[in-house]
Amino acid sequence: MDPDTVLALAHDQAIQYPSVEIDHPFGPENTVYKVRGKMFMMTFELRGVPSMNLKIDPLDGEVLSDAYAEITPGYHMSKKHWITVAGAGTAESESPDGAAGNILDADLLHDLVLESYCLVVAKLPKKDRPVDPKTFGGRDAT
């Protein structure tokens, strides 16, 4: 997926979630998506490429960064808890060892935005949670 498509799909998904607000605290070129005042996604341009930061489970972040050229540790964020996602062209990515890498698709992007939202919601006090983060979006309650 190209970077503009990645951001458009993520935006369309994120604004449908309960209690999502859009803000521009870092200027008009950076869009911050918040749930109950807490950021779960931010879009920006990184070296001319439309990109976004998403909250992630630390173990998932490592695996995803290794598997996808479009996913890197969070730019200007905690590298442990955030990832940066940017689209790529249609050609297959190359991993450092020369093997073909995985390509970011719409399903993975959907899962990443949902996970980021739910991770932030899970840290809110129970009375402030707009959804149950364990089951929202068809997530497994186990």
N, C-alpha and C. Protein backbone atom coordinates (compact mmCIF):
# COMPACT_ATOMS: atom_id res chain seq x y z
N MET A 1 0.84 -1.19 0.00
CA MET A 1 0.00 0.00 0.00
C MET A 1 0.88 1.24 0.00
N ASP A 2 0.44 2.24 -0.72
CA ASP A 2 1.19 3.49 -0.70
C ASP A 2 0.90 4.24 0.61
N PRO A 3 1.81 5.14 1.03
CA PRO A 3 1.66 5.81 2.32
C PRO A 3 0.36 6.60 2.48
N ASP A 4 -0.10 7.26 1.43
CA ASP A 4 -1.35 8.02 1.55
C ASP A 4 -2.54 7.10 1.81
N THR A 5 -2.55 5.93 1.18
CA THR A 5 -3.63 4.96 1.39
C THR A 5 -3.58 4.43 2.83
N VAL A 6 -2.39 4.18 3.33
CA VAL A 6 -2.23 3.71 4.71
C VAL A 6 -2.86 4.71 5.67
N LEU A 7 -2.53 5.99 5.52
CA LEU A 7 -3.07 7.00 6.43
C LEU A 7 -4.57 7.18 6.25
N ALA A 8 -5.06 7.12 5.02
CA ALA A 8 -6.50 7.27 4.79
C ALA A 8 -7.28 6.13 5.43
N LEU A 9 -6.81 4.89 5.26
CA LEU A 9 -7.49 3.74 5.86
C LEU A 9 -7.46 3.82 7.39
N ALA A 10 -6.31 4.19 7.95
CA ALA A 10 -6.19 4.29 9.41
C ALA A 10 -7.11 5.39 9.94
N HIS A 11 -7.16 6.52 9.26
CA HIS A 11 -8.05 7.63 9.67
C HIS A 11 -9.51 7.19 9.65
N ASP A 12 -9.93 6.58 8.53
CA ASP A 12 -11.31 6.15 8.39
C ASP A 12 -11.71 5.17 9.48
N GLN A 13 -10.80 4.32 9.87
CA GLN A 13 -11.07 3.35 10.93
C GLN A 13 -11.11 4.05 12.29
N ALA A 14 -10.10 4.84 12.59
CA ALA A 14 -9.97 5.44 13.92
C ALA A 14 -11.14 6.35 14.27
N ILE A 15 -11.64 7.11 13.31
CA ILE A 15 -12.71 8.06 13.65
C ILE A 15 -14.04 7.37 13.93
N GLN A 16 -14.14 6.08 13.62
CA GLN A 16 -15.37 5.34 13.90
C GLN A 16 -15.41 4.81 15.33
N TYR A 17 -14.28 4.81 16.02
CA TYR A 17 -14.24 4.27 17.38
C TYR A 17 -14.89 5.24 18.37
N PRO A 18 -15.52 4.69 19.42
CA PRO A 18 -16.16 5.55 20.41
C PRO A 18 -15.18 6.49 21.11
N SER A 19 -15.63 7.72 21.35
CA SER A 19 -14.91 8.74 22.12
C SER A 19 -13.60 9.19 21.49
N VAL A 20 -13.43 9.02 20.18
CA VAL A 20 -12.20 9.47 19.52
C VAL A 20 -12.30 10.96 19.20
N GLU A 21 -11.22 11.65 19.51
CA GLU A 21 -11.11 13.08 19.22
C GLU A 21 -9.86 13.29 18.39
N ILE A 22 -9.92 14.25 17.48
CA ILE A 22 -8.76 14.60 16.67
C ILE A 22 -8.25 15.95 17.13
N ASP A 23 -6.93 16.07 17.26
CA ASP A 23 -6.30 17.28 17.77
C ASP A 23 -5.04 17.56 16.96
N HIS A 24 -4.54 18.78 17.04
CA HIS A 24 -3.31 19.17 16.36
C HIS A 24 -2.39 19.92 17.34
N PRO A 25 -2.00 19.28 18.44
CA PRO A 25 -1.21 19.99 19.45
C PRO A 25 0.23 20.32 19.00
N PHE A 26 0.70 19.65 17.96
CA PHE A 26 2.07 19.87 17.49
C PHE A 26 2.11 20.64 16.17
N GLY A 27 1.00 21.24 15.81
CA GLY A 27 0.91 21.99 14.56
C GLY A 27 -0.01 21.30 13.58
N PRO A 28 -0.41 22.02 12.53
CA PRO A 28 -1.40 21.48 11.59
C PRO A 28 -0.91 20.29 10.78
N GLU A 29 0.37 20.08 10.70
CA GLU A 29 0.91 18.97 9.92
C GLU A 29 0.93 17.64 10.68
N ASN A 30 0.63 17.67 11.95
CA ASN A 30 0.60 16.46 12.78
C ASN A 30 -0.80 16.28 13.34
N THR A 31 -1.44 15.17 13.00
CA THR A 31 -2.79 14.89 13.49
C THR A 31 -2.71 13.84 14.59
N VAL A 32 -3.26 14.17 15.74
CA VAL A 32 -3.24 13.28 16.89
C VAL A 32 -4.66 12.76 17.15
N TYR A 33 -4.78 11.45 17.27
CA TYR A 33 -6.05 10.78 17.56
C TYR A 33 -6.01 10.35 19.02
N LYS A 34 -7.02 10.79 19.76
CA LYS A 34 -7.07 10.51 21.19
C LYS A 34 -8.38 9.83 21.56
N VAL A 35 -8.31 9.02 22.61
CA VAL A 35 -9.50 8.47 23.23
C VAL A 35 -9.49 8.94 24.68
N ARG A 36 -10.52 9.69 25.04
CA ARG A 36 -10.63 10.28 26.38
C ARG A 36 -9.36 11.03 26.78
N GLY A 37 -8.80 11.77 25.82
CA GLY A 37 -7.65 12.61 26.08
C GLY A 37 -6.29 11.93 25.99
N LYS A 38 -6.26 10.65 25.69
CA LYS A 38 -5.00 9.90 25.60
C LYS A 38 -4.72 9.51 24.15
N MET A 39 -3.53 9.82 23.68
CA MET A 39 -3.16 9.55 22.30
C MET A 39 -3.01 8.06 22.02
N PHE A 40 -3.58 7.61 20.89
CA PHE A 40 -3.35 6.24 20.44
C PHE A 40 -2.80 6.19 19.01
N MET A 41 -2.88 7.32 18.30
CA MET A 41 -2.34 7.36 16.94
C MET A 41 -1.97 8.80 16.60
N MET A 42 -0.89 8.95 15.84
CA MET A 42 -0.49 10.27 15.36
C MET A 42 0.00 10.12 13.93
N THR A 43 -0.46 11.00 13.05
CA THR A 43 0.00 10.99 11.66
C THR A 43 0.89 12.20 11.42
N PHE A 44 1.88 12.01 10.54
CA PHE A 44 2.87 13.05 10.28
C PHE A 44 3.64 12.69 9.02
N GLU A 45 4.50 13.59 8.57
CA GLU A 45 5.39 13.29 7.45
C GLU A 45 6.78 13.07 8.00
N LEU A 46 7.40 11.97 7.62
CA LEU A 46 8.75 11.64 8.04
C LEU A 46 9.61 11.55 6.78
N ARG A 47 10.50 12.51 6.64
CA ARG A 47 11.37 12.58 5.46
C ARG A 47 10.55 12.54 4.16
N GLY A 48 9.44 13.27 4.17
CA GLY A 48 8.60 13.37 2.99
C GLY A 48 7.62 12.22 2.78
N VAL A 49 7.60 11.24 3.70
CA VAL A 49 6.71 10.08 3.57
C VAL A 49 5.61 10.16 4.63
N PRO A 50 4.35 10.16 4.20
CA PRO A 50 3.26 10.12 5.19
C PRO A 50 3.41 8.87 6.07
N SER A 51 3.37 9.09 7.39
CA SER A 51 3.62 8.02 8.35
C SER A 51 2.72 8.19 9.56
N MET A 52 2.69 7.18 10.43
CA MET A 52 1.92 7.28 11.67
C MET A 52 2.61 6.49 12.78
N ASN A 53 2.36 6.95 13.99
CA ASN A 53 2.80 6.22 15.18
C ASN A 53 1.58 5.57 15.81
N LEU A 54 1.78 4.32 16.26
CA LEU A 54 0.72 3.57 16.93
C LEU A 54 1.29 2.91 18.19
N LYS A 55 0.49 2.84 19.23
CA LYS A 55 0.89 2.14 20.45
C LYS A 55 0.87 0.64 20.16
N ILE A 56 1.81 -0.09 20.79
CA ILE A 56 1.94 -1.53 20.51
C ILE A 56 2.45 -2.25 21.74
N ASP A 57 2.09 -3.51 21.87
CA ASP A 57 2.68 -4.36 22.90
C ASP A 57 4.16 -4.51 22.53
N PRO A 58 5.07 -4.36 23.49
CA PRO A 58 6.50 -4.40 23.17
C PRO A 58 6.95 -5.64 22.39
N LEU A 59 6.47 -6.82 22.74
CA LEU A 59 6.88 -8.03 22.02
C LEU A 59 6.37 -8.02 20.59
N ASP A 60 5.14 -7.56 20.40
CA ASP A 60 4.58 -7.47 19.05
C ASP A 60 5.37 -6.47 18.21
N GLY A 61 5.77 -5.37 18.83
CA GLY A 61 6.53 -4.35 18.11
C GLY A 61 7.83 -4.88 17.55
N GLU A 62 8.54 -5.67 18.34
CA GLU A 62 9.80 -6.26 17.87
C GLU A 62 9.56 -7.20 16.70
N VAL A 63 8.58 -8.06 16.82
CA VAL A 63 8.28 -9.03 15.76
C VAL A 63 7.88 -8.31 14.48
N LEU A 64 7.01 -7.31 14.60
CA LEU A 64 6.54 -6.59 13.42
C LEU A 64 7.65 -5.80 12.75
N SER A 65 8.52 -5.18 13.55
CA SER A 65 9.63 -4.43 12.99
C SER A 65 10.59 -5.34 12.22
N ASP A 66 10.75 -6.55 12.71
CA ASP A 66 11.62 -7.51 12.02
C ASP A 66 10.97 -8.05 10.75
N ALA A 67 9.65 -8.17 10.74
CA ALA A 67 8.95 -8.81 9.64
C ALA A 67 8.53 -7.87 8.50
N TYR A 68 8.35 -6.59 8.79
CA TYR A 68 7.82 -5.65 7.81
C TYR A 68 8.74 -4.44 7.65
N ALA A 69 9.15 -4.16 6.43
CA ALA A 69 9.99 -3.00 6.17
C ALA A 69 9.24 -1.70 6.46
N GLU A 70 7.89 -1.73 6.37
CA GLU A 70 7.08 -0.53 6.59
C GLU A 70 6.89 -0.19 8.07
N ILE A 71 7.32 -1.08 8.95
CA ILE A 71 7.11 -0.89 10.39
C ILE A 71 8.47 -0.78 11.07
N THR A 72 8.66 0.32 11.81
CA THR A 72 9.91 0.57 12.52
C THR A 72 9.59 1.01 13.95
N PRO A 73 10.58 0.99 14.84
CA PRO A 73 10.33 1.50 16.19
C PRO A 73 9.83 2.95 16.12
N GLY A 74 9.01 3.35 17.08
CA GLY A 74 8.34 4.65 17.06
C GLY A 74 9.26 5.84 16.91
N TYR A 75 8.99 6.66 15.92
CA TYR A 75 9.76 7.88 15.67
C TYR A 75 9.38 8.92 16.72
N HIS A 76 10.38 9.43 17.44
CA HIS A 76 10.20 10.43 18.50
C HIS A 76 9.27 9.95 19.60
N MET A 77 9.20 8.64 19.81
CA MET A 77 8.34 8.06 20.84
C MET A 77 9.16 6.99 21.57
N SER A 78 8.58 6.40 22.59
CA SER A 78 9.21 5.27 23.26
C SER A 78 9.33 4.14 22.24
N LYS A 79 10.54 3.73 21.93
CA LYS A 79 10.77 2.69 20.93
C LYS A 79 10.22 1.35 21.39
N LYS A 80 9.98 1.22 22.68
CA LYS A 80 9.47 -0.03 23.24
C LYS A 80 7.95 -0.14 23.09
N HIS A 81 7.24 0.97 23.21
CA HIS A 81 5.78 0.95 23.26
C HIS A 81 5.09 1.54 22.03
N TRP A 82 5.85 2.03 21.08
CA TRP A 82 5.27 2.65 19.89
C TRP A 82 5.99 2.16 18.63
N ILE A 83 5.24 2.09 17.53
CA ILE A 83 5.83 1.78 16.23
C ILE A 83 5.46 2.89 15.26
N THR A 84 6.28 3.04 14.23
CA THR A 84 5.98 3.94 13.13
C THR A 84 5.63 3.07 11.93
N VAL A 85 4.53 3.41 11.27
CA VAL A 85 4.06 2.67 10.10
C VAL A 85 4.01 3.62 8.92
N ALA A 86 4.60 3.20 7.82
CA ALA A 86 4.53 3.96 6.58
C ALA A 86 4.27 2.96 5.46
N GLY A 87 3.51 3.36 4.49
CA GLY A 87 3.24 2.47 3.37
C GLY A 87 4.46 2.32 2.49
N ALA A 88 4.37 1.40 1.56
CA ALA A 88 5.44 1.17 0.60
C ALA A 88 4.81 1.01 -0.76
N GLY A 89 5.63 0.88 -1.74
CA GLY A 89 5.12 0.63 -3.08
C GLY A 89 4.57 -0.79 -3.17
N THR A 90 4.27 -1.23 -4.37
CA THR A 90 3.71 -2.57 -4.54
C THR A 90 4.78 -3.63 -4.65
N ALA A 91 6.03 -3.22 -4.84
CA ALA A 91 7.11 -4.21 -4.93
C ALA A 91 7.35 -4.82 -3.56
N GLU A 92 7.78 -6.08 -3.56
CA GLU A 92 8.04 -6.75 -2.28
C GLU A 92 9.21 -6.09 -1.57
N SER A 93 9.12 -6.05 -0.27
CA SER A 93 10.18 -5.49 0.56
C SER A 93 11.32 -6.49 0.62
N GLU A 94 12.48 -5.98 0.87
CA GLU A 94 13.64 -6.84 1.06
C GLU A 94 14.08 -6.75 2.51
N SER A 95 14.28 -7.88 3.12
CA SER A 95 14.78 -7.89 4.49
C SER A 95 16.30 -7.76 4.43
N PRO A 96 16.95 -7.42 5.56
CA PRO A 96 18.40 -7.23 5.55
C PRO A 96 19.18 -8.43 5.03
N ASP A 97 18.65 -9.64 5.19
CA ASP A 97 19.38 -10.82 4.72
C ASP A 97 19.11 -11.13 3.25
N GLY A 98 18.35 -10.26 2.58
CA GLY A 98 18.10 -10.45 1.16
C GLY A 98 16.84 -11.24 0.84
N ALA A 99 16.21 -11.82 1.84
CA ALA A 99 14.99 -12.59 1.61
C ALA A 99 13.82 -11.64 1.45
N ALA A 100 12.82 -12.06 0.70
CA ALA A 100 11.63 -11.22 0.52
C ALA A 100 10.93 -11.06 1.86
N GLY A 101 10.51 -9.82 2.15
CA GLY A 101 9.83 -9.55 3.40
C GLY A 101 8.32 -9.56 3.21
N ASN A 102 7.60 -9.38 4.29
CA ASN A 102 6.15 -9.29 4.24
C ASN A 102 5.74 -7.89 3.81
N ILE A 103 4.57 -7.77 3.24
CA ILE A 103 4.06 -6.47 2.81
C ILE A 103 2.84 -6.12 3.64
N LEU A 104 2.83 -4.89 4.17
CA LEU A 104 1.71 -4.40 4.95
C LEU A 104 0.43 -4.44 4.12
N ASP A 105 -0.62 -5.02 4.69
CA ASP A 105 -1.91 -5.05 3.98
C ASP A 105 -2.99 -4.42 4.86
N ALA A 106 -4.18 -4.25 4.29
CA ALA A 106 -5.27 -3.57 4.99
C ALA A 106 -5.69 -4.30 6.26
N ASP A 107 -5.66 -5.64 6.24
CA ASP A 107 -6.05 -6.40 7.44
C ASP A 107 -5.09 -6.16 8.60
N LEU A 108 -3.79 -6.19 8.31
CA LEU A 108 -2.81 -5.94 9.36
C LEU A 108 -2.94 -4.50 9.86
N LEU A 109 -3.10 -3.56 8.97
CA LEU A 109 -3.27 -2.16 9.37
C LEU A 109 -4.49 -2.01 10.28
N HIS A 110 -5.59 -2.65 9.93
CA HIS A 110 -6.80 -2.62 10.76
C HIS A 110 -6.48 -3.14 12.16
N ASP A 111 -5.79 -4.28 12.23
CA ASP A 111 -5.45 -4.87 13.53
C ASP A 111 -4.54 -3.95 14.34
N LEU A 112 -3.60 -3.28 13.70
CA LEU A 112 -2.67 -2.40 14.40
C LEU A 112 -3.38 -1.19 14.99
N VAL A 113 -4.30 -0.58 14.23
CA VAL A 113 -5.04 0.58 14.73
C VAL A 113 -5.96 0.15 15.88
N LEU A 114 -6.64 -0.98 15.72
CA LEU A 114 -7.51 -1.50 16.77
C LEU A 114 -6.71 -1.80 18.04
N GLU A 115 -5.57 -2.45 17.89
CA GLU A 115 -4.73 -2.78 19.04
C GLU A 115 -4.27 -1.53 19.77
N SER A 116 -3.85 -0.52 19.02
CA SER A 116 -3.39 0.72 19.63
C SER A 116 -4.52 1.37 20.44
N TYR A 117 -5.69 1.45 19.86
CA TYR A 117 -6.85 2.03 20.54
C TYR A 117 -7.14 1.25 21.83
N CYS A 118 -7.20 -0.07 21.73
CA CYS A 118 -7.55 -0.90 22.88
C CYS A 118 -6.49 -0.88 23.97
N LEU A 119 -5.22 -0.78 23.60
CA LEU A 119 -4.16 -0.67 24.61
C LEU A 119 -4.32 0.61 25.43
N VAL A 120 -4.66 1.70 24.77
CA VAL A 120 -4.86 2.96 25.48
C VAL A 120 -6.12 2.91 26.33
N VAL A 121 -7.21 2.38 25.80
CA VAL A 121 -8.45 2.26 26.56
C VAL A 121 -8.23 1.41 27.81
N ALA A 122 -7.46 0.35 27.69
CA ALA A 122 -7.22 -0.56 28.82
C ALA A 122 -6.52 0.14 29.99
N LYS A 123 -5.79 1.20 29.71
CA LYS A 123 -5.09 1.94 30.76
C LYS A 123 -5.95 3.02 31.41
N LEU A 124 -7.11 3.27 30.83
CA LEU A 124 -8.02 4.26 31.43
C LEU A 124 -8.71 3.65 32.65
N PRO A 125 -9.12 4.50 33.60
CA PRO A 125 -9.93 3.97 34.70
C PRO A 125 -11.19 3.32 34.12
N LYS A 126 -11.64 2.23 34.73
CA LYS A 126 -12.79 1.49 34.19
C LYS A 126 -14.00 2.37 33.95
N LYS A 127 -14.25 3.32 34.82
CA LYS A 127 -15.42 4.19 34.66
C LYS A 127 -15.31 5.10 33.44
N ASP A 128 -14.10 5.32 32.93
CA ASP A 128 -13.90 6.21 31.79
C ASP A 128 -13.77 5.47 30.46
N ARG A 129 -13.76 4.15 30.48
CA ARG A 129 -13.58 3.38 29.26
C ARG A 129 -14.85 3.40 28.40
N PRO A 130 -14.73 3.85 27.14
CA PRO A 130 -15.91 3.86 26.27
C PRO A 130 -16.30 2.47 25.77
N VAL A 131 -15.37 1.51 25.85
CA VAL A 131 -15.61 0.13 25.41
C VAL A 131 -14.83 -0.81 26.32
N ASP A 132 -15.15 -2.09 26.23
CA ASP A 132 -14.35 -3.10 26.92
C ASP A 132 -13.17 -3.44 26.00
N PRO A 133 -11.95 -3.09 26.38
CA PRO A 133 -10.81 -3.30 25.49
C PRO A 133 -10.50 -4.77 25.18
N LYS A 134 -11.03 -5.67 26.00
CA LYS A 134 -10.77 -7.10 25.76
C LYS A 134 -11.65 -7.66 24.65
N THR A 135 -12.81 -7.07 24.44
CA THR A 135 -13.76 -7.62 23.46
C THR A 135 -14.09 -6.68 22.32
N PHE A 136 -13.73 -5.41 22.41
CA PHE A 136 -14.09 -4.45 21.38
C PHE A 136 -13.51 -4.83 20.02
N GLY A 137 -14.30 -4.66 19.01
CA GLY A 137 -13.84 -4.94 17.63
C GLY A 137 -13.68 -6.40 17.32
N GLY A 138 -14.36 -7.26 18.10
CA GLY A 138 -14.27 -8.69 17.85
C GLY A 138 -13.05 -9.35 18.46
N ARG A 139 -12.37 -8.62 19.36
CA ARG A 139 -11.19 -9.20 20.02
C ARG A 139 -11.64 -10.32 20.96
N ASP A 140 -10.79 -11.28 21.16
CA ASP A 140 -11.08 -12.42 22.04
C ASP A 140 -10.99 -11.97 23.49
N ALA A 141 -11.93 -12.35 24.30
CA ALA A 141 -11.99 -11.96 25.71
C ALA A 141 -11.01 -12.72 26.59
N THR A 142 -10.30 -13.70 26.05
CA THR A 142 -9.38 -14.49 26.88
C THR A 142 -8.06 -13.81 27.07
